[in-house]
Amino acid sequence: MIKSIITMETKQGRDALSAVCIPVEDKYLAQEVVKNLVDTVNEFNQLSIKNDGKILAVGLAANQIGEFIRVFIIKWGTIWLPIVNPVIVGRSEKKKTHFEGCISRPNMERVRTSRSTTITLEYQCPITGDLQKKKFKGRDAVVVQHEINHLDGILI
């Protein structure tokens, strides 16, 4: 189901986006939220391409659509990779500074951030609930860290 993306433009939006999300134990709820995230981000990207194509989302966290559980998706090649209950278990000391945007801050300029260039993430598969471990590098590491910030109520 396509949901509205919450933005920082209202006090209600700012309050929602600053909330810390809780772990999810119900895999069926996680699966439903993942589906809603995929539907919503695909719609956002289609509208963006139709209008000007300047901003395409590469990730979306559950609290950006009003679900306050620890779930997000990131663009992984040609698919959306669902991440449930993520925990960063390792990170490189090497960091890279770059400019980052956020679809929950649509009228803001990109923000300079510094993030680890490589991270190791433990998370659950939304279908089986099995624990997964994956290393993310480069842009993918940046996107994962950005989305985890959302789940922790932190905005760039």
C-alpha atoms as a PDB file:
ATOM      1  CA  MET A   1       0.000   0.000   0.000  1.00  0.00           C
ATOM      2  CA  ILE A   2       1.310   3.431  -0.931  1.00  0.00           C
ATOM      3  CA  LYS A   3       1.682   5.641   2.145  1.00  0.00           C
ATOM      4  CA  SER A   4       2.403   9.337   2.534  1.00  0.00           C
ATOM      5  CA  ILE A   5       6.030  10.161   3.225  1.00  0.00           C
ATOM      6  CA  ILE A   6       6.357  12.121   6.455  1.00  0.00           C
ATOM      7  CA  THR A   7       8.399  15.303   6.133  1.00  0.00           C
ATOM      8  CA  MET A   8       9.966  17.834   8.482  1.00  0.00           C
ATOM      9  CA  GLU A   9       7.641  20.558   7.214  1.00  0.00           C
ATOM     10  CA  THR A  10       5.194  20.275  10.147  1.00  0.00           C
ATOM     11  CA  LYS A  11       5.618  19.875  13.910  1.00  0.00           C
ATOM     12  CA  GLN A  12       3.767  16.556  13.694  1.00  0.00           C
ATOM     13  CA  GLY A  13       6.228  15.404  11.027  1.00  0.00           C
ATOM     14  CA  ARG A  14       9.246  16.554  13.040  1.00  0.00           C
ATOM     15  CA  ASP A  15       7.923  14.741  16.125  1.00  0.00           C
ATOM     16  CA  ALA A  16       7.311  11.531  14.176  1.00  0.00           C
ATOM     17  CA  LEU A  17      10.735  11.578  12.526  1.00  0.00           C
ATOM     18  CA  SER A  18      12.522  12.205  15.826  1.00  0.00           C
ATOM     19  CA  ALA A  19      10.905   9.167  17.490  1.00  0.00           C
ATOM     20  CA  VAL A  20      13.152   6.187  18.180  1.00  0.00           C
ATOM     21  CA  CYS A  21      11.778   3.042  16.526  1.00  0.00           C
ATOM     22  CA  ILE A  22      11.381  -0.212  18.446  1.00  0.00           C
ATOM     23  CA  PRO A  23      12.469  -3.707  17.367  1.00  0.00           C
ATOM     24  CA  VAL A  24       9.793  -5.766  15.637  1.00  0.00           C
ATOM     25  CA  GLU A  25       9.195  -9.384  16.627  1.00  0.00           C
ATOM     26  CA  ASP A  26       6.175 -10.113  14.406  1.00  0.00           C
ATOM     27  CA  LYS A  27       7.566 -11.163  11.014  1.00  0.00           C
ATOM     28  CA  TYR A  28       4.135 -10.682   9.390  1.00  0.00           C
ATOM     29  CA  LEU A  29       4.076  -7.051  10.517  1.00  0.00           C
ATOM     30  CA  ALA A  30       7.649  -6.643   9.220  1.00  0.00           C
ATOM     31  CA  GLN A  31       6.621  -8.135   5.855  1.00  0.00           C
ATOM     32  CA  GLU A  32       3.628  -5.787   5.602  1.00  0.00           C
ATOM     33  CA  VAL A  33       5.762  -2.746   6.393  1.00  0.00           C
ATOM     34  CA  VAL A  34       8.409  -3.832   3.857  1.00  0.00           C
ATOM     35  CA  LYS A  35       5.711  -4.106   1.176  1.00  0.00           C
ATOM     36  CA  ASN A  36       4.394  -0.647   2.073  1.00  0.00           C
ATOM     37  CA  LEU A  37       7.917   0.806   1.963  1.00  0.00           C
ATOM     38  CA  VAL A  38       8.557  -0.690  -1.487  1.00  0.00           C
ATOM     39  CA  ASP A  39       5.193   0.487  -2.852  1.00  0.00           C
ATOM     40  CA  THR A  40       5.726   3.981  -1.432  1.00  0.00           C
ATOM     41  CA  VAL A  41       9.312   4.453  -2.637  1.00  0.00           C
ATOM     42  CA  ASN A  42       8.485   3.099  -6.102  1.00  0.00           C
ATOM     43  CA  GLU A  43       5.613   5.585  -6.374  1.00  0.00           C
ATOM     44  CA  PHE A  44       7.864   8.416  -5.162  1.00  0.00           C
ATOM     45  CA  ASN A  45      10.531   7.548  -7.730  1.00  0.00           C
ATOM     46  CA  GLN A  46       7.992   7.227 -10.579  1.00  0.00           C
ATOM     47  CA  LEU A  47       6.553  10.656  -9.765  1.00  0.00           C
ATOM     48  CA  SER A  48      10.046  12.120  -9.488  1.00  0.00           C
ATOM     49  CA  ILE A  49      11.036  10.779 -12.909  1.00  0.00           C
ATOM     50  CA  LYS A  50       7.769  12.053 -14.373  1.00  0.00           C
ATOM     51  CA  ASN A  51       8.330  15.540 -12.946  1.00  0.00           C
ATOM     52  CA  ASP A  52      12.035  16.281 -13.185  1.00  0.00           C
ATOM     53  CA  GLY A  53      13.967  13.141 -12.282  1.00  0.00           C
ATOM     54  CA  LYS A  54      16.352  15.050 -10.036  1.00  0.00           C
ATOM     55  CA  ILE A  55      15.666  13.163  -6.798  1.00  0.00           C
ATOM     56  CA  LEU A  56      15.403   9.397  -6.670  1.00  0.00           C
ATOM     57  CA  ALA A  57      15.146   7.670  -3.308  1.00  0.00           C
ATOM     58  CA  VAL A  58      17.645   4.878  -2.601  1.00  0.00           C
ATOM     59  CA  GLY A  59      16.256   4.007   0.818  1.00  0.00           C
ATOM     60  CA  LEU A  60      13.238   4.481   3.055  1.00  0.00           C
ATOM     61  CA  ALA A  61      12.742   3.833   6.779  1.00  0.00           C
ATOM     62  CA  ALA A  62       9.515   2.691   8.424  1.00  0.00           C
ATOM     63  CA  ASN A  63       9.088   5.860  10.492  1.00  0.00           C
ATOM     64  CA  GLN A  64       9.072   7.886   7.269  1.00  0.00           C
ATOM     65  CA  ILE A  65       5.681   6.291   6.531  1.00  0.00           C
ATOM     66  CA  GLY A  66       4.374   6.365  10.109  1.00  0.00           C
ATOM     67  CA  GLU A  67       5.458   2.896  11.273  1.00  0.00           C
ATOM     68  CA  PHE A  68       7.691   3.085  14.335  1.00  0.00           C
ATOM     69  CA  ILE A  69       9.478  -0.239  14.046  1.00  0.00           C
ATOM     70  CA  ARG A  70      13.095  -0.985  13.091  1.00  0.00           C
ATOM     71  CA  VAL A  71      12.607  -1.733   9.395  1.00  0.00           C
ATOM     72  CA  PHE A  72      13.984  -0.081   6.272  1.00  0.00           C
ATOM     73  CA  ILE A  73      14.736  -0.845   2.637  1.00  0.00           C
ATOM     74  CA  ILE A  74      17.674   0.135   0.458  1.00  0.00           C
ATOM     75  CA  LYS A  75      18.224  -0.117  -3.275  1.00  0.00           C
ATOM     76  CA  TRP A  76      20.552  -3.097  -3.744  1.00  0.00           C
ATOM     77  CA  GLY A  77      21.400  -3.393  -7.408  1.00  0.00           C
ATOM     78  CA  THR A  78      18.002  -3.706  -9.095  1.00  0.00           C
ATOM     79  CA  ILE A  79      16.018  -4.817  -6.019  1.00  0.00           C
ATOM     80  CA  TRP A  80      14.896  -3.338  -2.734  1.00  0.00           C
ATOM     81  CA  LEU A  81      16.719  -5.098   0.112  1.00  0.00           C
ATOM     82  CA  PRO A  82      14.589  -5.306   3.279  1.00  0.00           C
ATOM     83  CA  ILE A  83      16.387  -4.833   6.585  1.00  0.00           C
ATOM     84  CA  VAL A  84      14.668  -5.738   9.872  1.00  0.00           C
ATOM     85  CA  ASN A  85      16.052  -4.954  13.352  1.00  0.00           C
ATOM     86  CA  PRO A  86      19.461  -3.782  12.097  1.00  0.00           C
ATOM     87  CA  VAL A  87      22.519  -3.523  14.309  1.00  0.00           C
ATOM     88  CA  ILE A  88      25.858  -2.214  13.094  1.00  0.00           C
ATOM     89  CA  VAL A  89      28.389  -4.699  14.479  1.00  0.00           C
ATOM     90  CA  GLY A  90      31.471  -3.287  12.773  1.00  0.00           C
ATOM     91  CA  ARG A  91      32.577  -0.156  11.008  1.00  0.00           C
ATOM     92  CA  SER A  92      35.717   1.093   9.349  1.00  0.00           C
ATOM     93  CA  GLU A  93      37.689   3.831  10.998  1.00  0.00           C
ATOM     94  CA  LYS A  94      38.018   5.363   7.544  1.00  0.00           C
ATOM     95  CA  LYS A  95      35.292   7.905   6.890  1.00  0.00           C
ATOM     96  CA  LYS A  96      34.313   9.868   3.854  1.00  0.00           C
ATOM     97  CA  THR A  97      32.770  13.310   3.803  1.00  0.00           C
ATOM     98  CA  HIS A  98      30.106  13.961   1.191  1.00  0.00           C
ATOM     99  CA  PHE A  99      26.781  15.707   0.612  1.00  0.00           C
ATOM    100  CA  GLU A 100      23.606  13.801   1.448  1.00  0.00           C
ATOM    101  CA  GLY A 101      19.919  14.469   0.880  1.00  0.00           C
ATOM    102  CA  CYS A 102      16.724  13.145   2.442  1.00  0.00           C
ATOM    103  CA  ILE A 103      13.211  12.860   1.044  1.00  0.00           C
ATOM    104  CA  SER A 104      11.826  13.783   4.472  1.00  0.00           C
ATOM    105  CA  ARG A 105      13.538  17.160   4.003  1.00  0.00           C
ATOM    106  CA  PRO A 106      12.284  17.981   0.488  1.00  0.00           C
ATOM    107  CA  ASN A 107      13.046  21.701   0.522  1.00  0.00           C
ATOM    108  CA  MET A 108      16.450  21.498   2.157  1.00  0.00           C
ATOM    109  CA  GLU A 109      19.768  21.588   0.413  1.00  0.00           C
ATOM    110  CA  ARG A 110      22.023  18.590   0.680  1.00  0.00           C
ATOM    111  CA  VAL A 111      23.897  18.347   3.982  1.00  0.00           C
ATOM    112  CA  ARG A 112      27.596  17.622   4.421  1.00  0.00           C
ATOM    113  CA  THR A 113      28.055  14.403   6.416  1.00  0.00           C
ATOM    114  CA  SER A 114      30.920  12.121   7.346  1.00  0.00           C
ATOM    115  CA  ARG A 115      30.240   8.383   7.428  1.00  0.00           C
ATOM    116  CA  SER A 116      32.206   5.156   7.691  1.00  0.00           C
ATOM    117  CA  THR A 117      33.136   3.801   4.266  1.00  0.00           C
ATOM    118  CA  THR A 118      32.462   0.180   5.302  1.00  0.00           C
ATOM    119  CA  ILE A 119      30.064  -1.280   7.856  1.00  0.00           C
ATOM    120  CA  THR A 120      29.048  -4.762   8.908  1.00  0.00           C
ATOM    121  CA  LEU A 121      25.364  -5.166   9.676  1.00  0.00           C
ATOM    122  CA  GLU A 122      23.393  -7.856  11.450  1.00  0.00           C
ATOM    123  CA  TYR A 123      19.683  -7.914  10.697  1.00  0.00           C
ATOM    124  CA  GLN A 124      16.754 -10.275  10.337  1.00  0.00           C
ATOM    125  CA  CYS A 125      15.242 -11.616   7.148  1.00  0.00           C
ATOM    126  CA  PRO A 126      11.598 -10.445   7.105  1.00  0.00           C
ATOM    127  CA  ILE A 127      10.392 -13.745   5.638  1.00  0.00           C
ATOM    128  CA  THR A 128      12.121 -16.297   7.878  1.00  0.00           C
ATOM    129  CA  GLY A 129      13.228 -14.152  10.808  1.00  0.00           C
ATOM    130  CA  ASP A 130      16.715 -15.668  10.414  1.00  0.00           C
ATOM    131  CA  LEU A 131      19.689 -13.548  11.423  1.00  0.00           C
ATOM    132  CA  GLN A 132      21.740 -12.260   8.474  1.00  0.00           C
ATOM    133  CA  LYS A 133      25.147 -10.611   8.412  1.00  0.00           C
ATOM    134  CA  LYS A 134      26.309  -8.469   5.520  1.00  0.00           C
ATOM    135  CA  LYS A 135      29.145  -6.064   4.779  1.00  0.00           C
ATOM    136  CA  PHE A 136      28.231  -2.821   3.034  1.00  0.00           C
ATOM    137  CA  LYS A 137      30.752  -0.571   1.297  1.00  0.00           C
ATOM    138  CA  GLY A 138      30.721   2.812  -0.381  1.00  0.00           C
ATOM    139  CA  ARG A 139      27.320   4.258  -1.265  1.00  0.00           C
ATOM    140  CA  ASP A 140      25.511   1.259   0.227  1.00  0.00           C
ATOM    141  CA  ALA A 141      27.259   1.808   3.585  1.00  0.00           C
ATOM    142  CA  VAL A 142      26.212   5.468   3.501  1.00  0.00           C
ATOM    143  CA  VAL A 143      22.572   4.620   2.745  1.00  0.00           C
ATOM    144  CA  VAL A 144      22.418   1.987   5.514  1.00  0.00           C
ATOM    145  CA  GLN A 145      23.853   4.447   8.055  1.00  0.00           C
ATOM    146  CA  HIS A 146      21.389   7.128   6.891  1.00  0.00           C
ATOM    147  CA  GLU A 147      18.404   4.784   7.291  1.00  0.00           C
ATOM    148  CA  ILE A 148      19.572   3.568  10.715  1.00  0.00           C
ATOM    149  CA  ASN A 149      19.798   7.221  11.747  1.00  0.00           C
ATOM    150  CA  HIS A 150      16.112   7.521  10.804  1.00  0.00           C
ATOM    151  CA  LEU A 151      15.237   4.521  12.998  1.00  0.00           C
ATOM    152  CA  ASP A 152      17.140   6.198  15.847  1.00  0.00           C
ATOM    153  CA  GLY A 153      15.203   9.465  15.359  1.00  0.00           C
ATOM    154  CA  ILE A 154      18.201  11.280  13.883  1.00  0.00           C
ATOM    155  CA  LEU A 155      17.922  13.412  10.743  1.00  0.00           C
ATOM    156  CA  ILE A 156      20.745  14.891   8.726  1.00  0.00           C
END
